[in-house]
Amino acid sequence: MKRGILFLLLTIATSNICLSQEWMTSLDAAKRIALVQDKFLFMMWEDATSIPYPVIMHDTNGNEILFDDLFKNDEINQIIWKYFVPVKVDENLYGELYDAIKDSRSRSYLAQFEDDNIKIMDVNFNIVNTSVSPQAYFNLTEFITNYGLNTSFLNGELRNYVEHKDFSTAYRLASKYMDYAILVNKNTRKDIVNLSIMYLDDADRYLLTSDISDKKDFKDKINLLRWSQYLLQNRPRKVLRLLKKFDTSEIDETTDSQLAFLYYAAYQLRKDEKNSELWKSKVSLVNLRKAELIANLHL
């Protein structure tokens, strides 16, 4: 639990000064602020904000504090602004936003996009909390602990993708999200991995329509990065089975390095020192450290 959240709540609640800030109503403006402040968006459909949304927070003793309505409480509003960029989206934009994703996202994702609950989004308007859709009483303390993340680690790749969407920027952002998944808490890890996979799916689509001549090599890179999700799930046997089917003919140096990392990390998870040592010399110092962090997740 983030004690800073609790301290902020108590400070605001006992203050005579109320500095209320309205939610954003422009997605593009909210995106620009989120990029500058390294935050995710806290998005809801505008019509849904007219319905009372009860909120629970916890004090330092773990006691619940109930607020009747998320949208009519200045203290809660200030806390949300501290960790997110809140934005109410006009229903008139629904069709345009839906058309942009209807052919590239799963049915469950589209259902969550359509519902009236809170959607945490990155600056490309992709939903982060795909495994959690708040219902009934909304536990804001828990939600901020899981999703009130600083996105400075992702900033460069997010900006590149915002400015120009192609295979390269989608792949690099997917890779960065996969690394970020190692760093977040276990309750959020699945959502960040899912976000990485979304960008890999986008990279796949960009690759198909690109004029890149040797697409096999780039498809190999996508597959290897996609398989790294199983390391985070502590499924090294699945990784090793997939690698046995991988065509190693005519791969370039960076693909070979990816391959070595997956083998090394998988054998490390299996505590197979003999086989992991065979691959260690091919793994960069950065990836050795990454493999160590992944192994530590599953101790």
Protein backbone atom coordinates (compact mmCIF):
# COMPACT_ATOMS: atom_id res chain seq x y z
CA MET A 1 0.00 0.00 0.00
CA LYS A 2 1.31 3.43 -0.89
CA ARG A 3 1.59 5.40 2.36
CA GLY A 4 1.98 8.54 0.27
CA ILE A 5 -1.59 8.14 -0.95
CA LEU A 6 -2.89 7.82 2.58
CA PHE A 7 -0.87 10.79 3.78
CA LEU A 8 -2.13 12.87 0.89
CA LEU A 9 -5.73 11.92 1.64
CA LEU A 10 -5.43 12.88 5.31
CA THR A 11 -3.65 16.13 4.49
CA ILE A 12 -6.25 17.21 1.97
CA ALA A 13 -9.15 16.13 4.15
CA THR A 14 -7.96 18.30 7.06
CA SER A 15 -7.09 21.32 4.95
CA ASN A 16 -9.33 24.39 4.69
CA ILE A 17 -8.00 25.14 1.23
CA CYS A 18 -9.53 23.31 -1.71
CA LEU A 19 -7.74 23.52 -5.04
CA SER A 20 -10.14 21.62 -7.26
CA GLN A 21 -9.11 20.86 -10.82
CA GLU A 22 -11.60 19.96 -13.51
CA TRP A 23 -11.19 16.75 -15.50
CA MET A 24 -9.93 17.11 -19.04
CA THR A 25 -12.48 16.82 -21.85
CA SER A 26 -10.02 16.53 -24.75
CA LEU A 27 -8.21 13.24 -25.26
CA ASP A 28 -5.47 14.93 -27.29
CA ALA A 29 -4.85 17.54 -24.60
CA ALA A 30 -4.87 14.83 -21.92
CA LYS A 31 -2.35 12.83 -23.96
CA ARG A 32 0.03 15.79 -24.15
CA ILE A 33 -0.16 16.33 -20.39
CA ALA A 34 0.32 12.62 -19.68
CA LEU A 35 3.46 12.57 -21.85
CA VAL A 36 4.92 15.55 -19.99
CA GLN A 37 3.95 14.26 -16.53
CA ASP A 38 4.76 10.56 -17.21
CA LYS A 39 1.30 9.32 -16.25
CA PHE A 40 -1.45 7.09 -17.57
CA LEU A 41 -4.88 8.47 -18.46
CA PHE A 42 -7.86 7.91 -16.14
CA MET A 43 -10.65 7.78 -18.72
CA MET A 44 -14.43 7.52 -18.46
CA TRP A 45 -17.27 8.15 -20.87
CA GLU A 46 -18.83 11.51 -20.06
CA ASP A 47 -22.38 10.20 -19.58
CA ALA A 48 -21.12 7.69 -17.01
CA THR A 49 -19.78 10.51 -14.83
CA SER A 50 -23.33 11.73 -14.16
CA ILE A 51 -24.03 8.55 -12.16
CA PRO A 52 -22.77 8.39 -8.52
CA TYR A 53 -19.60 6.28 -8.26
CA PRO A 54 -18.90 5.23 -4.63
CA VAL A 55 -15.24 5.11 -3.62
CA ILE A 56 -13.41 3.32 -0.81
CA MET A 57 -10.00 4.33 0.53
CA HIS A 58 -8.06 2.99 3.52
CA ASP A 59 -6.48 4.95 6.34
CA THR A 60 -3.10 4.12 7.88
CA ASN A 61 -4.75 1.53 10.14
CA GLY A 62 -6.40 -0.25 7.23
CA ASN A 63 -9.85 1.11 8.04
CA GLU A 64 -12.16 1.83 5.14
CA ILE A 65 -13.25 5.39 4.37
CA LEU A 66 -16.30 5.58 2.12
CA PHE A 67 -16.94 8.48 -0.24
CA ASP A 68 -20.37 8.61 -1.85
CA ASP A 69 -19.34 9.85 -5.27
CA LEU A 70 -16.01 9.93 -7.09
CA PHE A 71 -17.14 12.89 -9.18
CA LYS A 72 -18.34 15.18 -6.39
CA ASN A 73 -15.46 14.98 -3.96
CA ASP A 74 -12.64 17.49 -4.28
CA GLU A 75 -10.26 15.47 -2.10
CA ILE A 76 -10.64 12.37 -4.28
CA ASN A 77 -10.33 14.51 -7.40
CA GLN A 78 -6.98 15.90 -6.24
CA ILE A 79 -5.68 12.41 -5.45
CA ILE A 80 -6.64 11.17 -8.92
CA TRP A 81 -4.85 14.14 -10.48
CA LYS A 82 -1.73 13.33 -8.49
CA TYR A 83 -1.38 9.88 -10.07
CA PHE A 84 -3.25 10.12 -13.39
CA VAL A 85 -4.57 12.54 -15.98
CA PRO A 86 -8.37 12.21 -15.68
CA VAL A 87 -10.40 12.73 -18.85
CA LYS A 88 -14.12 12.58 -19.62
CA VAL A 89 -14.73 11.58 -23.24
CA ASP A 90 -17.75 12.79 -25.16
CA GLU A 91 -20.02 9.97 -26.36
CA ASN A 92 -19.91 11.54 -29.84
CA LEU A 93 -16.29 10.34 -30.13
CA TYR A 94 -17.24 6.72 -29.48
CA GLY A 95 -17.72 5.77 -33.13
CA GLU A 96 -14.39 7.22 -34.24
CA LEU A 97 -12.46 5.58 -31.40
CA TYR A 98 -14.24 2.25 -31.86
CA ASP A 99 -13.57 2.17 -35.61
CA ALA A 100 -9.85 2.62 -34.91
CA ILE A 101 -9.67 -0.59 -32.85
CA LYS A 102 -12.56 -2.83 -33.93
CA ASP A 103 -10.45 -4.94 -36.29
CA SER A 104 -7.35 -5.19 -34.11
CA ARG A 105 -8.54 -5.91 -30.56
CA SER A 106 -10.16 -8.90 -28.87
CA ARG A 107 -13.87 -9.15 -28.12
CA SER A 108 -13.24 -8.83 -24.37
CA TYR A 109 -11.12 -5.73 -24.95
CA LEU A 110 -13.88 -4.13 -27.05
CA ALA A 111 -16.42 -4.95 -24.34
CA GLN A 112 -14.28 -3.18 -21.76
CA PHE A 113 -13.82 -0.24 -24.11
CA GLU A 114 -17.61 0.07 -24.39
CA ASP A 115 -18.54 -0.25 -20.71
CA ASP A 116 -19.01 2.66 -18.30
CA ASN A 117 -16.24 1.72 -15.90
CA ILE A 118 -12.84 3.33 -15.40
CA LYS A 119 -10.30 2.75 -18.13
CA ILE A 120 -6.63 3.37 -17.42
CA MET A 121 -5.04 4.13 -20.80
CA ASP A 122 -1.61 4.89 -22.08
CA VAL A 123 -1.09 7.93 -24.32
CA ASN A 124 -1.98 5.90 -27.41
CA PHE A 125 -5.42 5.24 -25.87
CA ASN A 126 -4.76 1.54 -25.26
CA ILE A 127 -6.45 0.20 -22.12
CA VAL A 128 -4.00 -0.88 -19.43
CA ASN A 129 -6.34 -2.43 -16.82
CA THR A 130 -7.66 -5.17 -19.11
CA SER A 131 -7.84 -7.70 -16.27
CA VAL A 132 -9.63 -5.32 -13.88
CA SER A 133 -12.83 -3.40 -14.56
CA PRO A 134 -13.95 -1.72 -11.31
CA GLN A 135 -17.43 -2.69 -10.17
CA ALA A 136 -19.66 -1.62 -7.26
CA TYR A 137 -17.56 0.13 -4.59
CA PHE A 138 -14.32 1.29 -6.14
CA ASN A 139 -11.21 0.74 -3.98
CA LEU A 140 -9.11 3.73 -5.00
CA THR A 141 -6.19 2.93 -2.67
CA GLU A 142 -5.73 -0.49 -4.25
CA PHE A 143 -6.27 0.86 -7.74
CA ILE A 144 -3.61 3.55 -7.38
CA THR A 145 -1.18 1.02 -5.92
CA ASN A 146 -1.58 -1.07 -9.08
CA TYR A 147 -1.99 1.55 -11.81
CA GLY A 148 -0.74 4.89 -10.49
CA LEU A 149 2.58 4.25 -12.23
CA ASN A 150 5.30 6.62 -13.36
CA THR A 151 5.82 6.03 -17.08
CA SER A 152 9.15 7.85 -17.49
CA PHE A 153 10.77 4.46 -18.28
CA LEU A 154 8.56 4.29 -21.39
CA ASN A 155 8.61 7.95 -22.37
CA GLY A 156 10.99 7.87 -25.32
CA GLU A 157 9.28 4.92 -27.02
CA LEU A 158 5.81 6.33 -26.28
CA ARG A 159 6.76 9.62 -27.90
CA ASN A 160 8.26 7.91 -30.95
CA TYR A 161 5.10 5.87 -31.46
CA VAL A 162 2.85 8.92 -31.01
CA GLU A 163 4.84 10.81 -33.64
CA HIS A 164 5.16 8.00 -36.18
CA LYS A 165 3.44 4.62 -36.16
CA ASP A 166 5.27 1.86 -38.03
CA PHE A 167 6.82 -1.55 -37.43
CA SER A 168 9.94 -0.17 -35.77
CA THR A 169 8.22 2.14 -33.27
CA ALA A 170 5.56 -0.47 -32.40
CA TYR A 171 8.16 -3.19 -31.88
CA ARG A 172 10.39 -1.01 -29.71
CA LEU A 173 7.46 0.11 -27.56
CA ALA A 174 6.34 -3.51 -27.18
CA SER A 175 9.86 -4.43 -26.08
CA LYS A 176 9.94 -1.58 -23.58
CA TYR A 177 6.58 -2.59 -22.10
CA MET A 178 7.82 -6.19 -21.75
CA ASP A 179 10.81 -4.88 -19.79
CA TYR A 180 8.53 -2.63 -17.75
CA ALA A 181 6.45 -5.67 -16.78
CA ILE A 182 9.47 -6.98 -14.88
CA LEU A 183 9.53 -3.84 -12.74
CA VAL A 184 5.86 -3.45 -11.76
CA ASN A 185 4.10 -5.33 -8.97
CA LYS A 186 2.69 -8.80 -9.59
CA ASN A 187 -0.92 -7.57 -9.58
CA THR A 188 -0.21 -5.32 -12.56
CA ARG A 189 2.29 -7.48 -14.45
CA LYS A 190 -0.27 -9.37 -16.54
CA ASP A 191 -1.83 -6.11 -17.74
CA ILE A 192 1.52 -4.65 -18.78
CA VAL A 193 2.43 -7.87 -20.61
CA ASN A 194 -0.94 -7.74 -22.38
CA LEU A 195 -0.17 -4.18 -23.44
CA SER A 196 3.17 -5.31 -24.84
CA ILE A 197 1.42 -8.05 -26.81
CA MET A 198 -1.02 -5.48 -28.23
CA TYR A 199 1.89 -3.48 -29.62
CA LEU A 200 3.47 -6.66 -30.99
CA ASP A 201 0.19 -7.38 -32.79
CA ASP A 202 0.37 -3.86 -34.20
CA ALA A 203 3.98 -4.44 -35.25
CA ASP A 204 2.84 -7.60 -37.06
CA ARG A 205 0.24 -5.62 -39.00
CA TYR A 206 2.67 -2.84 -39.88
CA LEU A 207 5.18 -5.44 -41.08
CA LEU A 208 2.63 -7.03 -43.42
CA THR A 209 1.93 -3.73 -45.18
CA SER A 210 5.51 -2.41 -45.15
CA ASP A 211 7.96 -2.41 -48.04
CA ILE A 212 10.62 -4.17 -45.92
CA SER A 213 12.28 -6.76 -48.16
CA ASP A 214 13.38 -9.41 -45.65
CA LYS A 215 10.30 -9.75 -43.46
CA LYS A 216 11.27 -13.15 -42.02
CA ASP A 217 13.97 -11.69 -39.81
CA PHE A 218 11.61 -9.10 -38.35
CA LYS A 219 8.89 -11.70 -37.87
CA ASP A 220 11.44 -13.79 -35.96
CA LYS A 221 12.13 -10.84 -33.68
CA ILE A 222 8.42 -10.42 -32.99
CA ASN A 223 8.02 -14.11 -32.15
CA LEU A 224 11.01 -14.20 -29.82
CA LEU A 225 9.83 -11.12 -27.96
CA ARG A 226 6.32 -12.55 -27.76
CA TRP A 227 7.69 -15.78 -26.21
CA SER A 228 9.47 -13.84 -23.48
CA GLN A 229 6.08 -13.33 -21.81
CA TYR A 230 6.28 -16.98 -20.69
CA LEU A 231 9.45 -16.22 -18.74
CA LEU A 232 7.46 -13.71 -16.69
CA GLN A 233 4.83 -16.40 -16.14
CA ASN A 234 7.52 -18.83 -14.93
CA ARG A 235 6.88 -21.22 -17.83
CA PRO A 236 10.43 -21.99 -19.02
CA ARG A 237 9.46 -25.37 -20.48
CA LYS A 238 7.04 -23.69 -22.88
CA VAL A 239 9.81 -21.30 -23.96
CA LEU A 240 12.22 -24.19 -24.58
CA ARG A 241 9.62 -26.13 -26.56
CA LEU A 242 8.97 -23.11 -28.78
CA LEU A 243 12.70 -22.52 -29.27
CA LYS A 244 13.20 -26.09 -30.46
CA LYS A 245 10.89 -25.30 -33.40
CA PHE A 246 12.60 -22.02 -34.19
CA ASP A 247 14.42 -21.80 -37.53
CA THR A 248 17.94 -20.61 -36.72
CA SER A 249 19.12 -20.47 -40.33
CA GLU A 250 19.99 -17.04 -41.68
CA ILE A 251 19.34 -15.06 -38.50
CA ASP A 252 21.17 -11.80 -37.86
CA GLU A 253 23.23 -10.85 -34.82
CA THR A 254 20.41 -9.15 -32.90
CA THR A 255 18.05 -12.10 -33.44
CA ASP A 256 20.80 -14.46 -32.31
CA SER A 257 21.22 -12.36 -29.18
CA GLN A 258 17.46 -12.55 -28.47
CA LEU A 259 17.59 -16.30 -28.95
CA ALA A 260 20.50 -16.67 -26.54
CA PHE A 261 18.71 -14.57 -23.91
CA LEU A 262 15.59 -16.75 -24.05
CA TYR A 263 17.60 -19.96 -23.77
CA TYR A 264 19.73 -18.59 -20.93
CA ALA A 265 16.78 -17.16 -18.96
CA ALA A 266 14.69 -20.31 -19.45
CA TYR A 267 17.49 -22.56 -18.20
CA GLN A 268 18.08 -20.19 -15.29
CA LEU A 269 14.43 -20.50 -14.29
CA ARG A 270 14.81 -24.28 -14.42
CA LYS A 271 17.99 -23.97 -12.33
CA ASP A 272 19.85 -25.81 -15.08
CA GLU A 273 23.28 -24.24 -14.65
CA LYS A 274 24.99 -26.57 -17.11
CA ASN A 275 22.80 -25.57 -20.07
CA SER A 276 22.47 -21.90 -19.10
CA GLU A 277 26.26 -21.61 -19.02
CA LEU A 278 26.40 -22.75 -22.67
CA TRP A 279 24.45 -19.64 -23.69
CA LYS A 280 25.80 -17.10 -21.21
CA SER A 281 28.67 -15.84 -23.38
CA LYS A 282 26.19 -14.82 -26.10
CA VAL A 283 24.02 -12.79 -23.73
CA SER A 284 24.66 -9.07 -23.29
CA LEU A 285 25.30 -7.60 -19.83
CA VAL A 286 21.93 -5.85 -20.00
CA ASN A 287 20.13 -9.12 -20.76
CA LEU A 288 22.07 -10.98 -18.08
CA ARG A 289 20.74 -8.47 -15.60
CA LYS A 290 17.24 -8.84 -17.07
CA ALA A 291 17.41 -12.62 -16.70
CA GLU A 292 18.46 -12.16 -13.07
CA LEU A 293 15.49 -9.85 -12.41
CA ILE A 294 13.10 -12.34 -14.00
CA ALA A 295 14.52 -15.18 -11.92
CA ASN A 296 14.06 -13.07 -8.78
CA LEU A 297 10.37 -12.64 -9.58
CA HIS A 298 9.85 -16.35 -9.04
CA LEU A 299 11.87 -17.00 -5.89
